[in-house]
């Protein structure tokens, strides 16, 4: 990773809470963690606009949509209603199929469910 990339990663990690930053660091190699750590220790002050630019860049990259090639549902949907709070829970298990050239990571999909209470 070049110096700008290390600085951007450092700014992003410093912008996160401690627990979230620790979660991100789990996915880096020891050498990457060392590089980001050294960069954080060197950075004295960061202009607000630089932080905003890094966060905007990360949000635009992280917010990219990836096309789902197929969705396979396993079993029937799980539906429950809590008798006390009348909270409705709906769950479905399945497999999302995405293109093989996507980056490593955790993928999720959002589905709209309409419930008709009678």
N, C-alpha and C. Protein backbone atom coordinates (compact mmCIF):
# COMPACT_ATOMS: atom_id res chain seq x y z
N UNK A 1 0.86 -1.16 0.00
CA UNK A 1 0.00 0.00 0.00
C UNK A 1 0.91 1.24 0.00
N UNK A 2 0.58 2.22 -0.86
CA UNK A 2 1.39 3.43 -0.92
C UNK A 2 1.10 4.34 0.27
N UNK A 3 1.87 5.41 0.40
CA UNK A 3 1.75 6.30 1.56
C UNK A 3 0.36 6.93 1.66
N UNK A 4 -0.20 7.34 0.52
CA UNK A 4 -1.55 7.93 0.54
C UNK A 4 -2.57 6.90 1.01
N UNK A 5 -2.44 5.68 0.53
CA UNK A 5 -3.35 4.62 0.97
C UNK A 5 -3.23 4.35 2.46
N UNK A 6 -2.00 4.34 2.97
CA UNK A 6 -1.80 4.15 4.42
C UNK A 6 -2.42 5.30 5.22
N UNK A 7 -2.23 6.53 4.73
CA UNK A 7 -2.82 7.68 5.42
C UNK A 7 -4.34 7.61 5.40
N UNK A 8 -4.91 7.24 4.25
CA UNK A 8 -6.37 7.12 4.17
C UNK A 8 -6.89 6.04 5.11
N UNK A 9 -6.20 4.91 5.15
CA UNK A 9 -6.60 3.83 6.06
C UNK A 9 -6.48 4.29 7.51
N UNK A 10 -5.43 5.02 7.82
CA UNK A 10 -5.24 5.52 9.19
C UNK A 10 -6.35 6.49 9.56
N UNK A 11 -6.70 7.39 8.66
CA UNK A 11 -7.77 8.36 8.92
C UNK A 11 -9.09 7.64 9.13
N UNK A 12 -9.37 6.66 8.29
CA UNK A 12 -10.61 5.90 8.44
C UNK A 12 -10.65 5.19 9.79
N UNK A 13 -9.57 4.51 10.15
CA UNK A 13 -9.54 3.79 11.43
C UNK A 13 -9.68 4.73 12.62
N UNK A 14 -9.06 5.90 12.54
CA UNK A 14 -9.17 6.86 13.63
C UNK A 14 -10.57 7.45 13.72
N UNK A 15 -11.31 7.42 12.61
CA UNK A 15 -12.67 7.94 12.60
C UNK A 15 -13.69 6.95 13.16
N UNK A 16 -13.30 5.69 13.19
CA UNK A 16 -14.18 4.64 13.71
C UNK A 16 -14.06 4.57 15.23
N UNK A 17 -15.02 3.97 15.86
CA UNK A 17 -14.90 3.68 17.28
C UNK A 17 -13.86 2.59 17.50
N UNK A 18 -13.44 2.42 18.73
CA UNK A 18 -12.39 1.45 19.05
C UNK A 18 -12.76 0.04 18.64
N UNK A 19 -13.99 -0.38 18.93
CA UNK A 19 -14.41 -1.75 18.60
C UNK A 19 -14.48 -1.97 17.09
N UNK A 20 -15.01 -0.98 16.36
CA UNK A 20 -15.11 -1.11 14.90
C UNK A 20 -13.73 -1.14 14.27
N UNK A 21 -12.82 -0.28 14.76
CA UNK A 21 -11.45 -0.27 14.24
C UNK A 21 -10.77 -1.62 14.48
N UNK A 22 -10.97 -2.19 15.67
CA UNK A 22 -10.39 -3.50 15.99
C UNK A 22 -10.94 -4.57 15.04
N UNK A 23 -12.21 -4.47 14.71
CA UNK A 23 -12.82 -5.43 13.79
C UNK A 23 -12.19 -5.33 12.40
N UNK A 24 -11.92 -4.12 11.95
CA UNK A 24 -11.27 -3.92 10.65
C UNK A 24 -9.85 -4.47 10.68
N UNK A 25 -9.13 -4.19 11.75
CA UNK A 25 -7.73 -4.62 11.85
C UNK A 25 -7.59 -6.14 11.82
N UNK A 26 -8.62 -6.86 12.24
CA UNK A 26 -8.58 -8.33 12.19
C UNK A 26 -8.40 -8.86 10.78
N UNK A 27 -8.81 -8.06 9.79
CA UNK A 27 -8.78 -8.51 8.40
C UNK A 27 -7.50 -8.09 7.68
N UNK A 28 -6.59 -7.43 8.38
CA UNK A 28 -5.32 -7.00 7.78
C UNK A 28 -4.21 -7.97 8.16
N UNK A 29 -3.19 -8.00 7.33
CA UNK A 29 -2.01 -8.81 7.66
C UNK A 29 -1.21 -8.10 8.74
N UNK A 30 -0.35 -8.81 9.46
CA UNK A 30 0.48 -8.15 10.47
C UNK A 30 1.29 -6.98 9.90
N UNK A 31 1.80 -7.13 8.69
CA UNK A 31 2.58 -6.06 8.07
C UNK A 31 1.70 -4.84 7.78
N UNK A 32 0.46 -5.07 7.34
CA UNK A 32 -0.46 -3.96 7.08
C UNK A 32 -0.83 -3.25 8.38
N UNK A 33 -1.07 -4.02 9.44
CA UNK A 33 -1.39 -3.44 10.74
C UNK A 33 -0.22 -2.57 11.22
N UNK A 34 0.99 -3.07 11.05
CA UNK A 34 2.17 -2.32 11.45
C UNK A 34 2.28 -1.02 10.65
N UNK A 35 2.08 -1.11 9.34
CA UNK A 35 2.17 0.08 8.49
C UNK A 35 1.14 1.13 8.86
N UNK A 36 -0.10 0.70 9.09
CA UNK A 36 -1.16 1.65 9.47
C UNK A 36 -0.86 2.22 10.86
N UNK A 37 -0.41 1.39 11.77
CA UNK A 37 -0.07 1.86 13.12
C UNK A 37 1.03 2.90 13.11
N UNK A 38 2.06 2.66 12.33
CA UNK A 38 3.16 3.63 12.21
C UNK A 38 2.66 4.94 11.59
N UNK A 39 1.78 4.82 10.62
CA UNK A 39 1.23 6.02 9.98
C UNK A 39 0.38 6.82 10.97
N UNK A 40 -0.43 6.12 11.76
CA UNK A 40 -1.25 6.81 12.77
C UNK A 40 -0.35 7.56 13.75
N UNK A 41 0.74 6.93 14.17
CA UNK A 41 1.62 7.56 15.15
C UNK A 41 2.33 8.79 14.58
N UNK A 42 2.53 8.83 13.26
CA UNK A 42 3.20 9.97 12.62
C UNK A 42 2.25 11.14 12.36
N UNK A 43 0.96 10.85 12.25
CA UNK A 43 0.00 11.90 11.88
C UNK A 43 -0.31 12.75 13.11
N UNK A 44 -0.01 14.03 13.02
CA UNK A 44 -0.22 14.94 14.15
C UNK A 44 -1.63 15.54 14.11
N UNK A 45 -1.93 16.26 13.07
CA UNK A 45 -3.28 16.82 12.93
C UNK A 45 -3.73 16.59 11.50
N UNK A 46 -5.03 16.40 11.35
CA UNK A 46 -5.58 16.11 10.03
C UNK A 46 -6.66 17.15 9.75
N UNK A 47 -6.54 17.88 8.66
CA UNK A 47 -7.57 18.88 8.33
C UNK A 47 -8.94 18.21 8.17
N UNK A 48 -9.96 18.92 8.61
CA UNK A 48 -11.33 18.38 8.56
C UNK A 48 -11.72 17.97 7.14
N UNK A 49 -11.35 18.78 6.15
CA UNK A 49 -11.73 18.44 4.77
C UNK A 49 -11.07 17.14 4.30
N UNK A 50 -9.87 16.85 4.79
CA UNK A 50 -9.19 15.59 4.43
C UNK A 50 -9.96 14.41 5.02
N UNK A 51 -10.39 14.54 6.28
CA UNK A 51 -11.18 13.47 6.91
C UNK A 51 -12.47 13.27 6.14
N UNK A 52 -13.15 14.36 5.81
CA UNK A 52 -14.41 14.26 5.07
C UNK A 52 -14.20 13.61 3.71
N UNK A 53 -13.11 13.95 3.03
CA UNK A 53 -12.82 13.34 1.72
C UNK A 53 -12.58 11.84 1.84
N UNK A 54 -11.83 11.43 2.85
CA UNK A 54 -11.55 10.00 3.05
C UNK A 54 -12.85 9.26 3.35
N UNK A 55 -13.67 9.81 4.24
CA UNK A 55 -14.93 9.15 4.59
C UNK A 55 -15.87 9.08 3.39
N UNK A 56 -15.89 10.15 2.58
CA UNK A 56 -16.73 10.14 1.38
C UNK A 56 -16.24 9.10 0.39
N UNK A 57 -14.90 9.01 0.22
CA UNK A 57 -14.32 8.02 -0.69
C UNK A 57 -14.67 6.61 -0.22
N UNK A 58 -14.52 6.34 1.08
CA UNK A 58 -14.84 5.02 1.61
C UNK A 58 -16.32 4.71 1.43
N UNK A 59 -17.18 5.68 1.71
CA UNK A 59 -18.62 5.45 1.60
C UNK A 59 -19.01 5.15 0.16
N UNK A 60 -18.41 5.85 -0.80
CA UNK A 60 -18.77 5.60 -2.19
C UNK A 60 -18.29 4.22 -2.64
N UNK A 61 -17.12 3.79 -2.18
CA UNK A 61 -16.62 2.46 -2.53
C UNK A 61 -17.41 1.38 -1.81
N UNK A 62 -17.65 1.56 -0.52
CA UNK A 62 -18.36 0.56 0.27
C UNK A 62 -19.82 0.45 -0.14
N UNK A 63 -20.36 1.51 -0.70
CA UNK A 63 -21.76 1.51 -1.07
C UNK A 63 -22.03 0.97 -2.47
N UNK A 64 -21.00 0.53 -3.18
CA UNK A 64 -21.20 -0.02 -4.51
C UNK A 64 -22.12 -1.23 -4.46
N UNK A 65 -22.96 -1.36 -5.47
CA UNK A 65 -23.86 -2.50 -5.55
C UNK A 65 -23.21 -3.60 -6.38
N UNK A 66 -23.42 -4.82 -5.97
CA UNK A 66 -22.91 -5.98 -6.70
C UNK A 66 -24.13 -6.79 -7.14
N UNK A 67 -24.17 -7.12 -8.41
CA UNK A 67 -25.31 -7.84 -8.95
C UNK A 67 -25.38 -9.26 -8.39
N UNK A 68 -26.56 -9.63 -7.93
CA UNK A 68 -26.81 -10.99 -7.47
C UNK A 68 -27.21 -11.81 -8.69
N UNK A 69 -26.47 -12.89 -8.95
CA UNK A 69 -26.73 -13.72 -10.12
C UNK A 69 -27.87 -14.70 -9.87
N UNK A 70 -28.01 -15.15 -8.64
CA UNK A 70 -29.07 -16.10 -8.32
C UNK A 70 -29.32 -16.08 -6.81
N UNK A 71 -30.52 -16.44 -6.42
CA UNK A 71 -30.88 -16.55 -5.01
C UNK A 71 -31.61 -17.87 -4.84
N UNK A 72 -31.07 -18.71 -3.99
CA UNK A 72 -31.69 -20.00 -3.71
C UNK A 72 -32.21 -19.99 -2.28
N UNK A 73 -33.47 -20.25 -2.10
CA UNK A 73 -34.05 -20.30 -0.76
C UNK A 73 -33.99 -21.72 -0.24
N UNK A 74 -33.66 -21.86 1.02
CA UNK A 74 -33.59 -23.17 1.65
C UNK A 74 -34.70 -23.26 2.69
N UNK A 75 -35.58 -24.22 2.51
CA UNK A 75 -36.66 -24.40 3.47
C UNK A 75 -37.71 -23.31 3.34
N UNK A 76 -38.71 -23.42 4.18
CA UNK A 76 -39.77 -22.42 4.17
C UNK A 76 -39.42 -21.24 5.04
N UNK A 77 -40.12 -20.15 4.85
CA UNK A 77 -39.86 -18.98 5.69
C UNK A 77 -40.28 -19.23 7.14
N UNK A 78 -39.59 -18.59 8.06
CA UNK A 78 -39.92 -18.65 9.48
C UNK A 78 -40.71 -17.40 9.81
N UNK A 79 -41.90 -17.58 10.36
CA UNK A 79 -42.74 -16.44 10.71
C UNK A 79 -43.19 -16.61 12.15
N UNK A 80 -42.98 -15.59 12.97
CA UNK A 80 -43.46 -15.62 14.34
C UNK A 80 -43.98 -14.24 14.71
N UNK A 81 -44.93 -14.21 15.63
CA UNK A 81 -45.44 -12.96 16.19
C UNK A 81 -45.34 -13.06 17.70
N UNK A 82 -44.64 -12.10 18.31
CA UNK A 82 -44.51 -12.06 19.77
C UNK A 82 -45.87 -11.66 20.34
N UNK A 83 -46.45 -12.51 21.20
CA UNK A 83 -47.77 -12.27 21.74
C UNK A 83 -47.85 -11.02 22.61
N UNK A 84 -46.75 -10.68 23.28
CA UNK A 84 -46.76 -9.51 24.17
C UNK A 84 -46.60 -8.21 23.40
N UNK A 85 -45.60 -8.13 22.57
CA UNK A 85 -45.30 -6.87 21.87
C UNK A 85 -45.94 -6.79 20.49
N UNK A 86 -46.47 -7.91 20.01
CA UNK A 86 -47.05 -8.02 18.67
C UNK A 86 -46.01 -7.74 17.58
N UNK A 87 -44.72 -8.00 17.91
CA UNK A 87 -43.62 -7.83 16.96
C UNK A 87 -43.63 -9.00 16.00
N UNK A 88 -43.49 -8.71 14.73
CA UNK A 88 -43.52 -9.72 13.69
C UNK A 88 -42.09 -10.02 13.25
N UNK A 89 -41.71 -11.29 13.23
CA UNK A 89 -40.39 -11.72 12.77
C UNK A 89 -40.57 -12.59 11.54
N UNK A 90 -39.77 -12.35 10.53
CA UNK A 90 -39.83 -13.12 9.30
C UNK A 90 -38.40 -13.46 8.91
N UNK A 91 -38.08 -14.72 8.73
CA UNK A 91 -36.72 -15.10 8.36
C UNK A 91 -36.70 -16.12 7.24
N UNK A 92 -35.72 -16.01 6.37
CA UNK A 92 -35.53 -16.95 5.27
C UNK A 92 -34.05 -17.27 5.18
N UNK A 93 -33.71 -18.51 4.97
CA UNK A 93 -32.32 -18.90 4.76
C UNK A 93 -32.10 -19.20 3.30
N UNK A 94 -30.89 -19.00 2.83
CA UNK A 94 -30.64 -19.30 1.44
C UNK A 94 -29.21 -18.98 1.04
N UNK A 95 -28.97 -19.02 -0.24
CA UNK A 95 -27.64 -18.80 -0.79
C UNK A 95 -27.71 -17.69 -1.84
N UNK A 96 -26.82 -16.72 -1.72
CA UNK A 96 -26.67 -15.69 -2.75
C UNK A 96 -25.54 -16.10 -3.67
N UNK A 97 -25.75 -16.04 -4.94
CA UNK A 97 -24.70 -16.36 -5.92
C UNK A 97 -24.24 -15.06 -6.56
N UNK A 98 -22.94 -14.77 -6.42
CA UNK A 98 -22.38 -13.56 -7.02
C UNK A 98 -21.23 -13.95 -7.94
N UNK A 99 -20.82 -13.04 -8.78
CA UNK A 99 -19.73 -13.32 -9.73
C UNK A 99 -18.44 -13.64 -8.99
N UNK A 100 -17.63 -14.50 -9.57
CA UNK A 100 -16.40 -14.98 -8.93
C UNK A 100 -15.33 -13.90 -8.82
N UNK A 101 -15.42 -12.84 -9.62
CA UNK A 101 -14.36 -11.83 -9.61
C UNK A 101 -14.60 -10.72 -8.58
N UNK A 102 -15.52 -10.92 -7.65
CA UNK A 102 -15.79 -9.91 -6.63
C UNK A 102 -14.76 -10.01 -5.52
N UNK A 103 -14.51 -8.90 -4.82
CA UNK A 103 -13.54 -8.93 -3.72
C UNK A 103 -14.04 -9.80 -2.58
N UNK A 104 -13.08 -10.30 -1.82
CA UNK A 104 -13.40 -11.11 -0.65
C UNK A 104 -14.18 -10.26 0.34
N UNK A 105 -15.16 -10.82 1.00
CA UNK A 105 -15.91 -10.04 1.98
C UNK A 105 -17.21 -10.71 2.34
N UNK A 106 -17.97 -10.02 3.14
CA UNK A 106 -19.28 -10.51 3.56
C UNK A 106 -20.31 -9.77 2.71
N UNK A 107 -21.21 -10.50 2.10
CA UNK A 107 -22.23 -9.91 1.24
C UNK A 107 -23.59 -10.12 1.87
N UNK A 108 -24.46 -9.18 1.65
CA UNK A 108 -25.81 -9.29 2.16
C UNK A 108 -26.77 -8.75 1.12
N UNK A 109 -28.02 -9.10 1.25
CA UNK A 109 -29.04 -8.62 0.34
C UNK A 109 -30.23 -8.13 1.16
N UNK A 110 -30.93 -7.16 0.60
CA UNK A 110 -32.10 -6.62 1.27
C UNK A 110 -33.33 -7.01 0.47
N UNK A 111 -34.34 -7.45 1.16
CA UNK A 111 -35.58 -7.86 0.52
C UNK A 111 -36.73 -7.09 1.15
N UNK A 112 -37.72 -6.77 0.37
CA UNK A 112 -38.92 -6.12 0.89
C UNK A 112 -39.96 -7.19 1.16
N UNK A 113 -40.56 -7.13 2.33
CA UNK A 113 -41.60 -8.09 2.70
C UNK A 113 -42.83 -7.29 3.09
N UNK A 114 -43.97 -7.62 2.51
CA UNK A 114 -45.22 -7.00 2.88
C UNK A 114 -45.99 -7.94 3.78
N UNK A 115 -46.40 -7.46 4.92
CA UNK A 115 -47.18 -8.28 5.86
C UNK A 115 -48.58 -7.72 5.96
N UNK A 116 -49.56 -8.59 5.84
CA UNK A 116 -50.95 -8.18 5.94
C UNK A 116 -51.53 -8.74 7.22
N UNK A 117 -51.69 -7.89 8.24
CA UNK A 117 -52.26 -8.33 9.51
C UNK A 117 -53.77 -8.29 9.42
N UNK A 118 -54.38 -9.40 9.84
CA UNK A 118 -55.85 -9.45 9.81
C UNK A 118 -56.39 -9.92 11.14
